[in-house]
Each structure stands twice: as structure tokens, then as C-alpha cells.
Amino acid sequence: MNFREVILFPLMSERSVSMIENENKLVFVVNIKASKSDIAKAVESLYEVEVESVQTMVDHKGQKKAFVKIGKNYSASDIAIKLGIL
């Protein structure tokens, strides 16, 4: 699976902004077939950061969301600014 097919778009909400600022996490809507390792590799490749962990969930609408914790040497805020979500 191509990295651009794994991550569909970043999610922007009050909760995701709080996670960016307090937990160094980014939230993405991802392909329903993507595994956690696919998501981690895609984020590392596309945004040139180190991924500490990935948690996923499927919401009631059928969208799969990935909560990606960025490594301590990187800032989720910087990535969010580059993506235009902050």
C-alpha cells in the first residue's frame, strides 16, 4: 500500500488540538485496511519524524482514526503547522 493511500487526511477538532499540545500526538483519518505498522511507516516517511506508538479506532461512521504519538525529539505542533491545521 502506497504511503499516500494509507493516510487520507489529518483530523482537526478540539480534542485533536489538545492532543497535539499536551500529548505530542497527531490524529489522522486513515484507510480502513491500513495496519498500525503501515500507519507508522507512512507517518515516518511523509513527515520525516520518529513514531513512538500508534493507536487506532473505527468510529460509528466507519472511519478509521489513528492517534500517532510522535517521538520526544520532534514536535507535533511543528508538523501540524506545516499541515496547516494549527
N, C-alpha and C. Protein backbone atom coordinates (compact mmCIF):
# COMPACT_ATOMS: atom_id res chain seq x y z
N MET A 1 0.84 -1.18 0.00
CA MET A 1 0.00 0.00 0.00
C MET A 1 0.89 1.25 0.00
N ASN A 2 0.58 2.17 -0.88
CA ASN A 2 1.31 3.43 -1.00
C ASN A 2 1.08 4.28 0.25
N PHE A 3 2.12 5.01 0.69
CA PHE A 3 2.00 5.83 1.89
C PHE A 3 0.88 6.87 1.77
N ARG A 4 0.70 7.40 0.58
CA ARG A 4 -0.36 8.40 0.38
C ARG A 4 -1.75 7.78 0.38
N GLU A 5 -1.83 6.47 0.19
CA GLU A 5 -3.11 5.77 0.27
C GLU A 5 -3.45 5.41 1.71
N VAL A 6 -2.44 5.34 2.58
CA VAL A 6 -2.65 4.97 3.97
C VAL A 6 -3.29 6.12 4.73
N ILE A 7 -2.68 7.29 4.66
CA ILE A 7 -3.18 8.47 5.39
C ILE A 7 -4.07 9.26 4.45
N LEU A 8 -5.34 9.37 4.81
CA LEU A 8 -6.29 10.10 3.96
C LEU A 8 -6.24 11.60 4.22
N PHE A 9 -6.34 11.99 5.52
CA PHE A 9 -6.24 13.41 5.88
C PHE A 9 -6.07 13.55 7.38
N PRO A 10 -5.46 14.68 7.82
CA PRO A 10 -5.36 14.93 9.26
C PRO A 10 -6.72 15.38 9.80
N LEU A 11 -6.98 15.04 11.05
CA LEU A 11 -8.25 15.39 11.66
C LEU A 11 -8.06 16.60 12.56
N MET A 12 -8.96 17.57 12.39
CA MET A 12 -8.88 18.81 13.16
C MET A 12 -10.13 18.95 14.02
N SER A 13 -9.96 18.87 15.32
CA SER A 13 -11.06 19.05 16.27
C SER A 13 -10.46 19.61 17.56
N GLU A 14 -11.32 19.97 18.48
CA GLU A 14 -10.81 20.48 19.76
C GLU A 14 -9.99 19.42 20.48
N ARG A 15 -10.47 18.19 20.42
CA ARG A 15 -9.75 17.10 21.08
C ARG A 15 -8.39 16.86 20.43
N SER A 16 -8.32 16.91 19.10
CA SER A 16 -7.04 16.67 18.44
C SER A 16 -6.05 17.80 18.71
N VAL A 17 -6.52 19.04 18.79
CA VAL A 17 -5.64 20.16 19.14
C VAL A 17 -5.09 19.96 20.55
N SER A 18 -5.94 19.53 21.46
CA SER A 18 -5.49 19.26 22.83
C SER A 18 -4.44 18.16 22.85
N MET A 19 -4.62 17.13 22.04
CA MET A 19 -3.65 16.04 21.98
C MET A 19 -2.32 16.51 21.40
N ILE A 20 -2.38 17.39 20.41
CA ILE A 20 -1.16 17.94 19.81
C ILE A 20 -0.36 18.70 20.86
N GLU A 21 -1.05 19.56 21.61
CA GLU A 21 -0.38 20.42 22.58
C GLU A 21 0.07 19.68 23.84
N ASN A 22 -0.75 18.75 24.34
CA ASN A 22 -0.46 18.12 25.63
C ASN A 22 0.22 16.77 25.55
N GLU A 23 -0.05 16.00 24.51
CA GLU A 23 0.45 14.62 24.44
C GLU A 23 1.40 14.36 23.29
N ASN A 24 1.69 15.38 22.46
CA ASN A 24 2.56 15.23 21.30
C ASN A 24 2.03 14.16 20.34
N LYS A 25 0.70 14.19 20.11
CA LYS A 25 0.05 13.22 19.22
C LYS A 25 -0.62 13.94 18.07
N LEU A 26 -0.65 13.28 16.92
CA LEU A 26 -1.40 13.75 15.76
C LEU A 26 -2.51 12.76 15.49
N VAL A 27 -3.62 13.25 14.96
CA VAL A 27 -4.77 12.39 14.65
C VAL A 27 -5.02 12.45 13.15
N PHE A 28 -5.09 11.26 12.55
CA PHE A 28 -5.34 11.15 11.11
C PHE A 28 -6.52 10.22 10.86
N VAL A 29 -7.25 10.49 9.78
CA VAL A 29 -8.20 9.53 9.26
C VAL A 29 -7.41 8.71 8.24
N VAL A 30 -7.45 7.39 8.41
CA VAL A 30 -6.62 6.51 7.59
C VAL A 30 -7.48 5.49 6.85
N ASN A 31 -6.85 4.82 5.91
CA ASN A 31 -7.50 3.75 5.16
C ASN A 31 -7.94 2.65 6.11
N ILE A 32 -9.13 2.16 5.95
CA ILE A 32 -9.70 1.15 6.85
C ILE A 32 -8.87 -0.13 6.84
N LYS A 33 -8.15 -0.40 5.77
CA LYS A 33 -7.34 -1.62 5.65
C LYS A 33 -5.91 -1.46 6.17
N ALA A 34 -5.53 -0.25 6.55
CA ALA A 34 -4.16 0.01 7.00
C ALA A 34 -3.92 -0.56 8.40
N SER A 35 -2.77 -1.20 8.57
CA SER A 35 -2.39 -1.71 9.89
C SER A 35 -1.62 -0.63 10.64
N LYS A 36 -1.38 -0.87 11.92
CA LYS A 36 -0.64 0.10 12.73
C LYS A 36 0.78 0.29 12.19
N SER A 37 1.41 -0.79 11.76
CA SER A 37 2.77 -0.65 11.21
C SER A 37 2.76 0.11 9.89
N ASP A 38 1.72 -0.07 9.06
CA ASP A 38 1.59 0.71 7.82
C ASP A 38 1.47 2.19 8.13
N ILE A 39 0.66 2.51 9.14
CA ILE A 39 0.44 3.90 9.53
C ILE A 39 1.73 4.52 10.05
N ALA A 40 2.45 3.79 10.91
CA ALA A 40 3.71 4.30 11.46
C ALA A 40 4.72 4.55 10.36
N LYS A 41 4.86 3.62 9.43
CA LYS A 41 5.81 3.79 8.32
C LYS A 41 5.43 4.98 7.44
N ALA A 42 4.13 5.15 7.19
CA ALA A 42 3.66 6.25 6.35
C ALA A 42 3.95 7.60 7.01
N VAL A 43 3.67 7.72 8.31
CA VAL A 43 3.93 8.99 9.01
C VAL A 43 5.42 9.28 9.04
N GLU A 44 6.23 8.27 9.33
CA GLU A 44 7.69 8.47 9.37
C GLU A 44 8.21 8.90 8.01
N SER A 45 7.71 8.30 6.95
CA SER A 45 8.18 8.62 5.61
C SER A 45 7.69 9.99 5.13
N LEU A 46 6.41 10.28 5.31
CA LEU A 46 5.83 11.52 4.78
C LEU A 46 6.26 12.76 5.56
N TYR A 47 6.40 12.63 6.89
CA TYR A 47 6.65 13.81 7.71
C TYR A 47 8.04 13.83 8.34
N GLU A 48 8.85 12.81 8.04
CA GLU A 48 10.25 12.73 8.49
C GLU A 48 10.38 12.90 10.01
N VAL A 49 9.60 12.10 10.73
CA VAL A 49 9.64 12.09 12.19
C VAL A 49 9.75 10.65 12.67
N GLU A 50 9.98 10.50 13.96
CA GLU A 50 10.02 9.19 14.58
C GLU A 50 8.67 8.95 15.27
N VAL A 51 8.09 7.80 15.05
CA VAL A 51 6.80 7.46 15.66
C VAL A 51 7.04 6.57 16.87
N GLU A 52 6.47 6.97 18.00
CA GLU A 52 6.61 6.20 19.23
C GLU A 52 5.55 5.10 19.31
N SER A 53 4.29 5.47 19.04
CA SER A 53 3.21 4.48 19.09
C SER A 53 2.05 4.92 18.21
N VAL A 54 1.20 3.94 17.88
CA VAL A 54 0.01 4.20 17.07
C VAL A 54 -1.16 3.48 17.73
N GLN A 55 -2.25 4.21 17.94
CA GLN A 55 -3.49 3.62 18.42
C GLN A 55 -4.55 3.90 17.37
N THR A 56 -5.41 2.92 17.12
CA THR A 56 -6.44 3.11 16.11
C THR A 56 -7.82 2.82 16.67
N MET A 57 -8.82 3.37 16.00
CA MET A 57 -10.21 3.08 16.34
C MET A 57 -11.06 3.32 15.10
N VAL A 58 -12.17 2.62 15.03
CA VAL A 58 -13.13 2.84 13.96
C VAL A 58 -14.37 3.46 14.60
N ASP A 59 -14.75 4.64 14.11
CA ASP A 59 -15.89 5.33 14.72
C ASP A 59 -17.21 4.80 14.15
N HIS A 60 -18.30 5.34 14.64
CA HIS A 60 -19.63 4.87 14.24
C HIS A 60 -19.96 5.17 12.77
N LYS A 61 -19.20 6.07 12.15
CA LYS A 61 -19.40 6.39 10.74
C LYS A 61 -18.61 5.45 9.82
N GLY A 62 -17.78 4.61 10.42
CA GLY A 62 -16.97 3.68 9.64
C GLY A 62 -15.60 4.22 9.26
N GLN A 63 -15.24 5.39 9.79
CA GLN A 63 -13.92 5.96 9.53
C GLN A 63 -12.92 5.41 10.53
N LYS A 64 -11.74 5.07 10.06
CA LYS A 64 -10.68 4.60 10.95
C LYS A 64 -9.79 5.79 11.29
N LYS A 65 -9.62 6.02 12.59
CA LYS A 65 -8.78 7.13 13.06
C LYS A 65 -7.53 6.56 13.69
N ALA A 66 -6.42 7.23 13.46
CA ALA A 66 -5.15 6.81 14.03
C ALA A 66 -4.61 7.93 14.91
N PHE A 67 -4.27 7.58 16.15
CA PHE A 67 -3.67 8.52 17.09
C PHE A 67 -2.19 8.18 17.13
N VAL A 68 -1.37 9.06 16.57
CA VAL A 68 0.06 8.79 16.38
C VAL A 68 0.87 9.62 17.35
N LYS A 69 1.57 8.95 18.27
CA LYS A 69 2.44 9.64 19.22
C LYS A 69 3.80 9.82 18.56
N ILE A 70 4.22 11.08 18.50
CA ILE A 70 5.48 11.45 17.87
C ILE A 70 6.62 11.31 18.89
N GLY A 71 7.81 10.95 18.41
CA GLY A 71 8.97 10.81 19.28
C GLY A 71 9.31 12.08 20.02
N LYS A 72 10.02 11.94 21.13
CA LYS A 72 10.33 13.08 22.00
C LYS A 72 11.22 14.13 21.34
N ASN A 73 11.97 13.74 20.32
CA ASN A 73 12.87 14.69 19.64
C ASN A 73 12.15 15.55 18.61
N TYR A 74 10.86 15.30 18.41
CA TYR A 74 10.08 16.02 17.41
C TYR A 74 8.85 16.65 18.06
N SER A 75 8.29 17.64 17.39
CA SER A 75 7.13 18.35 17.93
C SER A 75 5.93 18.15 17.02
N ALA A 76 4.84 17.66 17.59
CA ALA A 76 3.60 17.50 16.83
C ALA A 76 3.07 18.87 16.39
N SER A 77 3.33 19.90 17.18
CA SER A 77 2.88 21.26 16.82
C SER A 77 3.54 21.73 15.53
N ASP A 78 4.83 21.44 15.37
CA ASP A 78 5.53 21.84 14.15
C ASP A 78 4.94 21.15 12.93
N ILE A 79 4.64 19.89 13.06
CA ILE A 79 4.07 19.14 11.95
C ILE A 79 2.66 19.67 11.63
N ALA A 80 1.88 19.95 12.67
CA ALA A 80 0.53 20.48 12.47
C ALA A 80 0.56 21.83 11.77
N ILE A 81 1.53 22.65 12.11
CA ILE A 81 1.68 23.96 11.44
C ILE A 81 2.02 23.76 9.96
N LYS A 82 2.91 22.82 9.66
CA LYS A 82 3.26 22.53 8.27
C LYS A 82 2.06 22.00 7.48
N LEU A 83 1.20 21.24 8.16
CA LEU A 83 0.00 20.71 7.51
C LEU A 83 -1.11 21.74 7.38
N GLY A 84 -0.97 22.86 8.11
CA GLY A 84 -1.97 23.92 8.05
C GLY A 84 -3.17 23.69 8.93
N ILE A 85 -3.04 22.83 9.94
CA ILE A 85 -4.17 22.57 10.83
C ILE A 85 -4.09 23.34 12.13
N LEU A 86 -3.00 23.98 12.38
CA LEU A 86 -2.86 24.85 13.57
C LEU A 86 -2.56 26.27 13.14
